[in-house]
């Protein structure tokens, strides 16, 4: 029965905020695969050589010493939608998850697909998380802090964690041109594992658009994202199974 798949959440959700973050930072993935070379930081192209991107505003210099101050100025959009691909690697294997996200004024809908399994659907709204598979009808509900759980349920590291780090943990930072768009890159040495987490943050949307985690020469985690659509999703995306839209 589908309901059996929801039972583990009864115990997990009580600790999910802490557990999900620890999973990302303390060895969620163990792997043995081809190492990835960190892109070199690059100066943004300028129209006048004075720090302005072509046709854009002046941009602050990003270094390990300044990246926290720059990240502090970023703001995520209130409404957007996008598709992501999350990969995990371990010795002798790997797995990927296709993730779709819709957010509108604090309400978040997540759809996760992997390996032909039935879609997992998650709705975070009004301090509650709702989880169901496929079209339902079984729905598991539990109290939740959307701000804490949103990234974890999308299998994403929170780049805002950079703000609380000692600067000595930030090994490299700068602007990089990744897949044709400019992003802030920060490479962080995690403690106590010693793994390297690399964040790529959009300077246009304030969203994390790519990330990699490496344990020595082993790539253990990777996330890539399509460019976000910043238009507000339709209200129907945030309905639970059996609900009907009240919009005309």
C-alpha atoms as a PDB file:
ATOM      1  CA  UNK A   1       0.000   0.000   0.000  1.00  0.00           C
ATOM      2  CA  UNK A   2       1.138   3.548  -0.703  1.00  0.00           C
ATOM      3  CA  UNK A   3       0.532   4.486   2.892  1.00  0.00           C
ATOM      4  CA  UNK A   4       3.399   2.237   3.958  1.00  0.00           C
ATOM      5  CA  UNK A   5       5.825   4.521   2.172  1.00  0.00           C
ATOM      6  CA  UNK A   6       4.634   7.439   4.257  1.00  0.00           C
ATOM      7  CA  UNK A   7       5.160   5.768   7.642  1.00  0.00           C
ATOM      8  CA  UNK A   8       8.928   6.439   7.851  1.00  0.00           C
ATOM      9  CA  UNK A   9       8.216  10.170   7.773  1.00  0.00           C
ATOM     10  CA  UNK A  10       6.496   9.928  11.142  1.00  0.00           C
ATOM     11  CA  UNK A  11       9.854   9.573  12.839  1.00  0.00           C
ATOM     12  CA  UNK A  12      11.992  11.353  10.286  1.00  0.00           C
ATOM     13  CA  UNK A  13      10.161  14.666  10.081  1.00  0.00           C
ATOM     14  CA  UNK A  14      10.672  15.359  13.774  1.00  0.00           C
ATOM     15  CA  UNK A  15      14.399  15.521  13.085  1.00  0.00           C
ATOM     16  CA  UNK A  16      14.456  16.271   9.372  1.00  0.00           C
ATOM     17  CA  UNK A  17      15.697  19.847   9.614  1.00  0.00           C
ATOM     18  CA  UNK A  18      18.821  18.788  11.475  1.00  0.00           C
ATOM     19  CA  UNK A  19      19.213  15.419   9.807  1.00  0.00           C
ATOM     20  CA  UNK A  20      18.978  16.697   6.247  1.00  0.00           C
ATOM     21  CA  UNK A  21      21.573  19.382   6.828  1.00  0.00           C
ATOM     22  CA  UNK A  22      23.897  16.948   8.578  1.00  0.00           C
ATOM     23  CA  UNK A  23      23.418  14.473   5.757  1.00  0.00           C
ATOM     24  CA  UNK A  24      24.668  16.982   3.230  1.00  0.00           C
ATOM     25  CA  UNK A  25      27.609  18.074   5.327  1.00  0.00           C
ATOM     26  CA  UNK A  26      28.652  14.907   7.150  1.00  0.00           C
ATOM     27  CA  UNK A  27      28.738  12.328   4.404  1.00  0.00           C
ATOM     28  CA  UNK A  28      25.345  11.865   2.784  1.00  0.00           C
ATOM     29  CA  UNK A  29      27.167  10.363  -0.144  1.00  0.00           C
ATOM     30  CA  UNK A  30      30.247   8.136  -0.347  1.00  0.00           C
ATOM     31  CA  UNK A  31      31.657   7.699  -3.814  1.00  0.00           C
ATOM     32  CA  UNK A  32      34.555   6.806  -6.021  1.00  0.00           C
ATOM     33  CA  UNK A  33      34.322   8.517  -9.375  1.00  0.00           C
ATOM     34  CA  UNK A  34      36.211  10.796 -11.715  1.00  0.00           C
ATOM     35  CA  UNK A  35      37.396  14.005 -10.012  1.00  0.00           C
ATOM     36  CA  UNK A  36      35.983  17.311 -11.202  1.00  0.00           C
ATOM     37  CA  UNK A  37      38.260  20.271 -11.856  1.00  0.00           C
ATOM     38  CA  UNK A  38      37.124  23.459 -10.156  1.00  0.00           C
ATOM     39  CA  UNK A  39      36.521  26.224 -12.726  1.00  0.00           C
ATOM     40  CA  UNK A  40      38.966  29.080 -12.478  1.00  0.00           C
ATOM     41  CA  UNK A  41      37.603  32.320 -11.111  1.00  0.00           C
ATOM     42  CA  UNK A  42      37.412  34.952 -13.797  1.00  0.00           C
ATOM     43  CA  UNK A  43      37.051  38.705 -13.872  1.00  0.00           C
ATOM     44  CA  UNK A  44      33.688  39.768 -15.207  1.00  0.00           C
ATOM     45  CA  UNK A  45      33.782  41.427 -18.638  1.00  0.00           C
ATOM     46  CA  UNK A  46      33.564  45.184 -18.287  1.00  0.00           C
ATOM     47  CA  UNK A  47      32.549  47.982 -20.567  1.00  0.00           C
ATOM     48  CA  UNK A  48      34.969  50.496 -19.113  1.00  0.00           C
ATOM     49  CA  UNK A  49      37.327  48.436 -16.964  1.00  0.00           C
ATOM     50  CA  UNK A  50      35.872  50.105 -13.901  1.00  0.00           C
ATOM     51  CA  UNK A  51      33.935  47.184 -12.441  1.00  0.00           C
ATOM     52  CA  UNK A  52      30.711  47.353 -14.449  1.00  0.00           C
ATOM     53  CA  UNK A  53      29.486  44.303 -16.289  1.00  0.00           C
ATOM     54  CA  UNK A  54      28.502  45.040 -19.862  1.00  0.00           C
ATOM     55  CA  UNK A  55      25.236  46.932 -19.717  1.00  0.00           C
ATOM     56  CA  UNK A  56      24.844  46.248 -16.003  1.00  0.00           C
ATOM     57  CA  UNK A  57      25.496  47.765 -12.575  1.00  0.00           C
ATOM     58  CA  UNK A  58      28.793  47.879 -10.752  1.00  0.00           C
ATOM     59  CA  UNK A  59      29.631  44.570  -9.089  1.00  0.00           C
ATOM     60  CA  UNK A  60      31.613  44.093  -5.906  1.00  0.00           C
ATOM     61  CA  UNK A  61      34.858  42.183  -6.059  1.00  0.00           C
ATOM     62  CA  UNK A  62      34.448  38.607  -4.838  1.00  0.00           C
ATOM     63  CA  UNK A  63      37.306  36.992  -2.924  1.00  0.00           C
ATOM     64  CA  UNK A  64      37.425  34.592   0.043  1.00  0.00           C
ATOM     65  CA  UNK A  65      37.570  37.680   2.248  1.00  0.00           C
ATOM     66  CA  UNK A  66      34.594  39.473   0.664  1.00  0.00           C
ATOM     67  CA  UNK A  67      32.271  36.707  -0.563  1.00  0.00           C
ATOM     68  CA  UNK A  68      30.266  36.601   2.682  1.00  0.00           C
ATOM     69  CA  UNK A  69      29.493  40.309   2.436  1.00  0.00           C
ATOM     70  CA  UNK A  70      28.470  39.924  -1.217  1.00  0.00           C
ATOM     71  CA  UNK A  71      26.258  36.883  -0.517  1.00  0.00           C
ATOM     72  CA  UNK A  72      24.594  38.816   2.304  1.00  0.00           C
ATOM     73  CA  UNK A  73      23.231  41.279  -0.289  1.00  0.00           C
ATOM     74  CA  UNK A  74      21.474  38.569  -2.312  1.00  0.00           C
ATOM     75  CA  UNK A  75      17.764  37.862  -2.038  1.00  0.00           C
ATOM     76  CA  UNK A  76      15.866  34.885  -3.368  1.00  0.00           C
ATOM     77  CA  UNK A  77      12.788  35.635  -5.505  1.00  0.00           C
ATOM     78  CA  UNK A  78       9.397  35.312  -3.842  1.00  0.00           C
ATOM     79  CA  UNK A  79       7.967  33.510  -6.859  1.00  0.00           C
ATOM     80  CA  UNK A  80       9.652  31.274  -9.418  1.00  0.00           C
ATOM     81  CA  UNK A  81       9.740  27.816 -10.936  1.00  0.00           C
ATOM     82  CA  UNK A  82      12.626  25.687 -12.183  1.00  0.00           C
ATOM     83  CA  UNK A  83      13.935  22.201 -12.914  1.00  0.00           C
ATOM     84  CA  UNK A  84      17.016  20.672 -11.298  1.00  0.00           C
ATOM     85  CA  UNK A  85      19.029  17.502 -11.543  1.00  0.00           C
ATOM     86  CA  UNK A  86      20.645  16.096  -8.396  1.00  0.00           C
ATOM     87  CA  UNK A  87      23.214  13.297  -8.643  1.00  0.00           C
ATOM     88  CA  UNK A  88      24.802  11.225  -5.889  1.00  0.00           C
ATOM     89  CA  UNK A  89      27.722   8.880  -6.380  1.00  0.00           C
ATOM     90  CA  UNK A  90      29.090   5.986  -4.387  1.00  0.00           C
ATOM     91  CA  UNK A  91      31.605   3.259  -5.057  1.00  0.00           C
ATOM     92  CA  UNK A  92      30.300   1.260  -7.974  1.00  0.00           C
ATOM     93  CA  UNK A  93      27.133   3.228  -8.584  1.00  0.00           C
ATOM     94  CA  UNK A  94      25.154   6.433  -8.742  1.00  0.00           C
ATOM     95  CA  UNK A  95      21.619   7.756  -8.676  1.00  0.00           C
ATOM     96  CA  UNK A  96      19.915  10.883  -9.957  1.00  0.00           C
ATOM     97  CA  UNK A  97      16.755  12.757  -9.050  1.00  0.00           C
ATOM     98  CA  UNK A  98      14.829  15.081 -11.345  1.00  0.00           C
ATOM     99  CA  UNK A  99      13.353  17.831  -9.214  1.00  0.00           C
ATOM    100  CA  UNK A 100      10.787  20.468 -10.137  1.00  0.00           C
ATOM    101  CA  UNK A 101      10.059  23.387  -7.833  1.00  0.00           C
ATOM    102  CA  UNK A 102       7.311  25.984  -7.856  1.00  0.00           C
ATOM    103  CA  UNK A 103       7.260  28.778  -5.275  1.00  0.00           C
ATOM    104  CA  UNK A 104       4.793  31.585  -4.814  1.00  0.00           C
ATOM    105  CA  UNK A 105       4.620  33.988  -1.881  1.00  0.00           C
ATOM    106  CA  UNK A 106       6.036  31.563   0.671  1.00  0.00           C
ATOM    107  CA  UNK A 107       4.239  28.430  -0.540  1.00  0.00           C
ATOM    108  CA  UNK A 108       6.475  25.789  -2.125  1.00  0.00           C
ATOM    109  CA  UNK A 109       5.638  22.725  -4.226  1.00  0.00           C
ATOM    110  CA  UNK A 110       8.313  20.127  -4.947  1.00  0.00           C
ATOM    111  CA  UNK A 111       8.046  17.145  -7.295  1.00  0.00           C
ATOM    112  CA  UNK A 112      10.796  14.495  -7.227  1.00  0.00           C
ATOM    113  CA  UNK A 113      11.200  11.753  -9.832  1.00  0.00           C
ATOM    114  CA  UNK A 114      13.857   9.037  -9.809  1.00  0.00           C
ATOM    115  CA  UNK A 115      14.431   5.796 -11.671  1.00  0.00           C
ATOM    116  CA  UNK A 116      10.896   5.324 -12.940  1.00  0.00           C
ATOM    117  CA  UNK A 117       9.448   5.407  -9.424  1.00  0.00           C
ATOM    118  CA  UNK A 118       6.160   7.129  -8.725  1.00  0.00           C
ATOM    119  CA  UNK A 119       6.543  10.878  -8.293  1.00  0.00           C
ATOM    120  CA  UNK A 120       6.973  12.128  -4.746  1.00  0.00           C
ATOM    121  CA  UNK A 121       5.081  15.387  -4.183  1.00  0.00           C
ATOM    122  CA  UNK A 122       5.776  17.797  -1.331  1.00  0.00           C
ATOM    123  CA  UNK A 123       3.851  20.931  -0.392  1.00  0.00           C
ATOM    124  CA  UNK A 124       5.257  23.349   2.189  1.00  0.00           C
ATOM    125  CA  UNK A 125       2.750  25.937   3.354  1.00  0.00           C
ATOM    126  CA  UNK A 126       1.368  27.458   6.550  1.00  0.00           C
ATOM    127  CA  UNK A 127       3.984  25.794   8.795  1.00  0.00           C
ATOM    128  CA  UNK A 128       2.961  22.377   7.497  1.00  0.00           C
ATOM    129  CA  UNK A 129       4.493  19.836   5.137  1.00  0.00           C
ATOM    130  CA  UNK A 130       2.268  17.560   3.068  1.00  0.00           C
ATOM    131  CA  UNK A 131       3.694  14.535   1.223  1.00  0.00           C
ATOM    132  CA  UNK A 132       1.972  12.244  -1.260  1.00  0.00           C
ATOM    133  CA  UNK A 133       2.901   9.935  -4.121  1.00  0.00           C
ATOM    134  CA  UNK A 134       1.544  10.153  -7.632  1.00  0.00           C
ATOM    135  CA  UNK A 135      -2.006  11.463  -7.537  1.00  0.00           C
ATOM    136  CA  UNK A 136      -2.566  10.417  -3.931  1.00  0.00           C
ATOM    137  CA  UNK A 137      -5.027  10.052  -2.339  1.00  0.00           C
ATOM    138  CA  UNK A 138      -3.014   9.276   0.827  1.00  0.00           C
ATOM    139  CA  UNK A 139      -1.433  12.446   2.208  1.00  0.00           C
ATOM    140  CA  UNK A 140       0.934  12.615   5.144  1.00  0.00           C
ATOM    141  CA  UNK A 141       0.899  15.894   7.092  1.00  0.00           C
ATOM    142  CA  UNK A 142       3.261  17.200   9.760  1.00  0.00           C
ATOM    143  CA  UNK A 143       4.241  20.567  11.252  1.00  0.00           C
ATOM    144  CA  UNK A 144       7.321  22.012   9.595  1.00  0.00           C
ATOM    145  CA  UNK A 145       9.424  25.144   9.225  1.00  0.00           C
ATOM    146  CA  UNK A 146       9.402  25.840   5.489  1.00  0.00           C
ATOM    147  CA  UNK A 147      12.453  28.088   5.657  1.00  0.00           C
ATOM    148  CA  UNK A 148      14.525  25.309   7.235  1.00  0.00           C
ATOM    149  CA  UNK A 149      13.134  22.403   5.236  1.00  0.00           C
ATOM    150  CA  UNK A 150      12.718  23.833   1.745  1.00  0.00           C
ATOM    151  CA  UNK A 151      16.304  23.343   0.602  1.00  0.00           C
ATOM    152  CA  UNK A 152      16.765  20.054   2.470  1.00  0.00           C
ATOM    153  CA  UNK A 153      13.706  18.491   0.826  1.00  0.00           C
ATOM    154  CA  UNK A 154      15.097  19.577  -2.554  1.00  0.00           C
ATOM    155  CA  UNK A 155      18.410  17.894  -1.624  1.00  0.00           C
ATOM    156  CA  UNK A 156      20.171  21.261  -1.753  1.00  0.00           C
ATOM    157  CA  UNK A 157      22.830  22.739   0.507  1.00  0.00           C
ATOM    158  CA  UNK A 158      21.871  26.174   1.878  1.00  0.00           C
ATOM    159  CA  UNK A 159      24.341  28.668   0.504  1.00  0.00           C
ATOM    160  CA  UNK A 160      23.386  31.077   3.294  1.00  0.00           C
ATOM    161  CA  UNK A 161      25.408  28.782   5.577  1.00  0.00           C
ATOM    162  CA  UNK A 162      28.422  30.597   4.117  1.00  0.00           C
ATOM    163  CA  UNK A 163      27.566  33.579   6.283  1.00  0.00           C
ATOM    164  CA  UNK A 164      28.290  31.776   9.548  1.00  0.00           C
ATOM    165  CA  UNK A 165      31.603  30.209   8.495  1.00  0.00           C
ATOM    166  CA  UNK A 166      35.052  31.221   9.610  1.00  0.00           C
ATOM    167  CA  UNK A 167      36.761  32.863   6.626  1.00  0.00           C
ATOM    168  CA  UNK A 168      39.566  30.319   6.875  1.00  0.00           C
ATOM    169  CA  UNK A 169      37.141  27.640   5.602  1.00  0.00           C
ATOM    170  CA  UNK A 170      36.560  29.531   2.338  1.00  0.00           C
ATOM    171  CA  UNK A 171      39.374  28.377   0.082  1.00  0.00           C
ATOM    172  CA  UNK A 172      38.417  30.125  -3.133  1.00  0.00           C
ATOM    173  CA  UNK A 173      35.783  32.590  -4.314  1.00  0.00           C
ATOM    174  CA  UNK A 174      35.110  34.717  -7.342  1.00  0.00           C
ATOM    175  CA  UNK A 175      32.952  35.136 -10.431  1.00  0.00           C
ATOM    176  CA  UNK A 176      32.786  32.221 -12.857  1.00  0.00           C
ATOM    177  CA  UNK A 177      31.141  31.835 -16.230  1.00  0.00           C
ATOM    178  CA  UNK A 178      29.404  28.474 -15.883  1.00  0.00           C
ATOM    179  CA  UNK A 179      27.236  27.178 -18.726  1.00  0.00           C
ATOM    180  CA  UNK A 180      27.170  30.640 -20.249  1.00  0.00           C
ATOM    181  CA  UNK A 181      25.974  32.627 -17.210  1.00  0.00           C
ATOM    182  CA  UNK A 182      27.893  34.519 -14.536  1.00  0.00           C
ATOM    183  CA  UNK A 183      27.724  33.224 -10.994  1.00  0.00           C
ATOM    184  CA  UNK A 184      29.366  33.735  -7.645  1.00  0.00           C
ATOM    185  CA  UNK A 185      31.509  30.732  -6.788  1.00  0.00           C
ATOM    186  CA  UNK A 186      32.599  29.839  -3.258  1.00  0.00           C
ATOM    187  CA  UNK A 187      34.587  26.711  -2.373  1.00  0.00           C
ATOM    188  CA  UNK A 188      34.261  25.780   1.301  1.00  0.00           C
ATOM    189  CA  UNK A 189      36.241  23.233   3.310  1.00  0.00           C
ATOM    190  CA  UNK A 190      33.696  21.555   5.555  1.00  0.00           C
ATOM    191  CA  UNK A 191      34.444  20.657   9.135  1.00  0.00           C
ATOM    192  CA  UNK A 192      34.988  18.090  10.546  1.00  0.00           C
ATOM    193  CA  UNK A 193      34.790  15.947   7.381  1.00  0.00           C
ATOM    194  CA  UNK A 194      37.308  17.905   5.306  1.00  0.00           C
ATOM    195  CA  UNK A 195      35.067  17.616   2.233  1.00  0.00           C
ATOM    196  CA  UNK A 196      34.995  20.464  -0.273  1.00  0.00           C
ATOM    197  CA  UNK A 197      31.579  22.000  -1.041  1.00  0.00           C
ATOM    198  CA  UNK A 198      31.451  24.328  -4.019  1.00  0.00           C
ATOM    199  CA  UNK A 199      28.503  26.708  -4.422  1.00  0.00           C
ATOM    200  CA  UNK A 200      27.532  28.508  -7.651  1.00  0.00           C
ATOM    201  CA  UNK A 201      25.017  31.283  -6.959  1.00  0.00           C
ATOM    202  CA  UNK A 202      23.212  33.340  -9.591  1.00  0.00           C
ATOM    203  CA  UNK A 203      23.956  37.058  -9.399  1.00  0.00           C
ATOM    204  CA  UNK A 204      20.625  37.695 -11.168  1.00  0.00           C
ATOM    205  CA  UNK A 205      18.184  35.618  -9.117  1.00  0.00           C
ATOM    206  CA  UNK A 206      19.977  34.924  -5.837  1.00  0.00           C
ATOM    207  CA  UNK A 207      19.312  31.201  -6.305  1.00  0.00           C
ATOM    208  CA  UNK A 208      21.833  28.393  -5.987  1.00  0.00           C
ATOM    209  CA  UNK A 209      22.179  27.189  -9.580  1.00  0.00           C
ATOM    210  CA  UNK A 210      24.835  24.509  -9.196  1.00  0.00           C
ATOM    211  CA  UNK A 211      26.782  22.775  -6.449  1.00  0.00           C
ATOM    212  CA  UNK A 212      29.376  20.045  -6.057  1.00  0.00           C
ATOM    213  CA  UNK A 213      30.698  18.189  -3.047  1.00  0.00           C
ATOM    214  CA  UNK A 214      33.971  16.270  -3.113  1.00  0.00           C
ATOM    215  CA  UNK A 215      35.654  13.998  -0.642  1.00  0.00           C
ATOM    216  CA  UNK A 216      39.298  14.249  -1.690  1.00  0.00           C
ATOM    217  CA  UNK A 217      39.366  13.222  -5.339  1.00  0.00           C
ATOM    218  CA  UNK A 218      35.888  11.718  -5.214  1.00  0.00           C
ATOM    219  CA  UNK A 219      32.857  13.554  -6.534  1.00  0.00           C
ATOM    220  CA  UNK A 220      29.995  12.586  -4.234  1.00  0.00           C
ATOM    221  CA  UNK A 221      27.259  15.123  -4.991  1.00  0.00           C
ATOM    222  CA  UNK A 222      26.299  17.375  -7.878  1.00  0.00           C
ATOM    223  CA  UNK A 223      23.338  19.642  -8.547  1.00  0.00           C
ATOM    224  CA  UNK A 224      22.644  21.539 -11.738  1.00  0.00           C
ATOM    225  CA  UNK A 225      19.660  23.730 -12.525  1.00  0.00           C
ATOM    226  CA  UNK A 226      17.953  25.229 -15.515  1.00  0.00           C
ATOM    227  CA  UNK A 227      17.542  28.984 -15.464  1.00  0.00           C
ATOM    228  CA  UNK A 228      14.632  29.859 -13.188  1.00  0.00           C
ATOM    229  CA  UNK A 229      11.387  31.269 -14.561  1.00  0.00           C
ATOM    230  CA  UNK A 230      10.651  34.259 -12.327  1.00  0.00           C
ATOM    231  CA  UNK A 231       6.990  34.572 -13.275  1.00  0.00           C
ATOM    232  CA  UNK A 232       4.501  33.526 -10.592  1.00  0.00           C
ATOM    233  CA  UNK A 233       3.280  29.917 -10.990  1.00  0.00           C
ATOM    234  CA  UNK A 234      -0.452  29.305 -11.310  1.00  0.00           C
ATOM    235  CA  UNK A 235      -2.345  28.703  -8.059  1.00  0.00           C
ATOM    236  CA  UNK A 236      -3.324  25.246  -9.275  1.00  0.00           C
ATOM    237  CA  UNK A 237       0.255  24.047  -8.760  1.00  0.00           C
ATOM    238  CA  UNK A 238      -0.257  24.332  -4.996  1.00  0.00           C
ATOM    239  CA  UNK A 239      -3.422  22.236  -4.659  1.00  0.00           C
ATOM    240  CA  UNK A 240      -3.490  18.975  -2.732  1.00  0.00           C
ATOM    241  CA  UNK A 241      -5.022  15.871  -4.339  1.00  0.00           C
ATOM    242  CA  UNK A 242      -8.811  16.227  -4.389  1.00  0.00           C
ATOM    243  CA  UNK A 243      -8.779  20.025  -4.034  1.00  0.00           C
ATOM    244  CA  UNK A 244     -10.204  22.236  -6.733  1.00  0.00           C
ATOM    245  CA  UNK A 245      -9.029  25.678  -7.711  1.00  0.00           C
ATOM    246  CA  UNK A 246     -11.275  28.528  -6.623  1.00  0.00           C
ATOM    247  CA  UNK A 247      -9.920  30.885  -9.284  1.00  0.00           C
ATOM    248  CA  UNK A 248     -12.155  31.789 -12.142  1.00  0.00           C
END
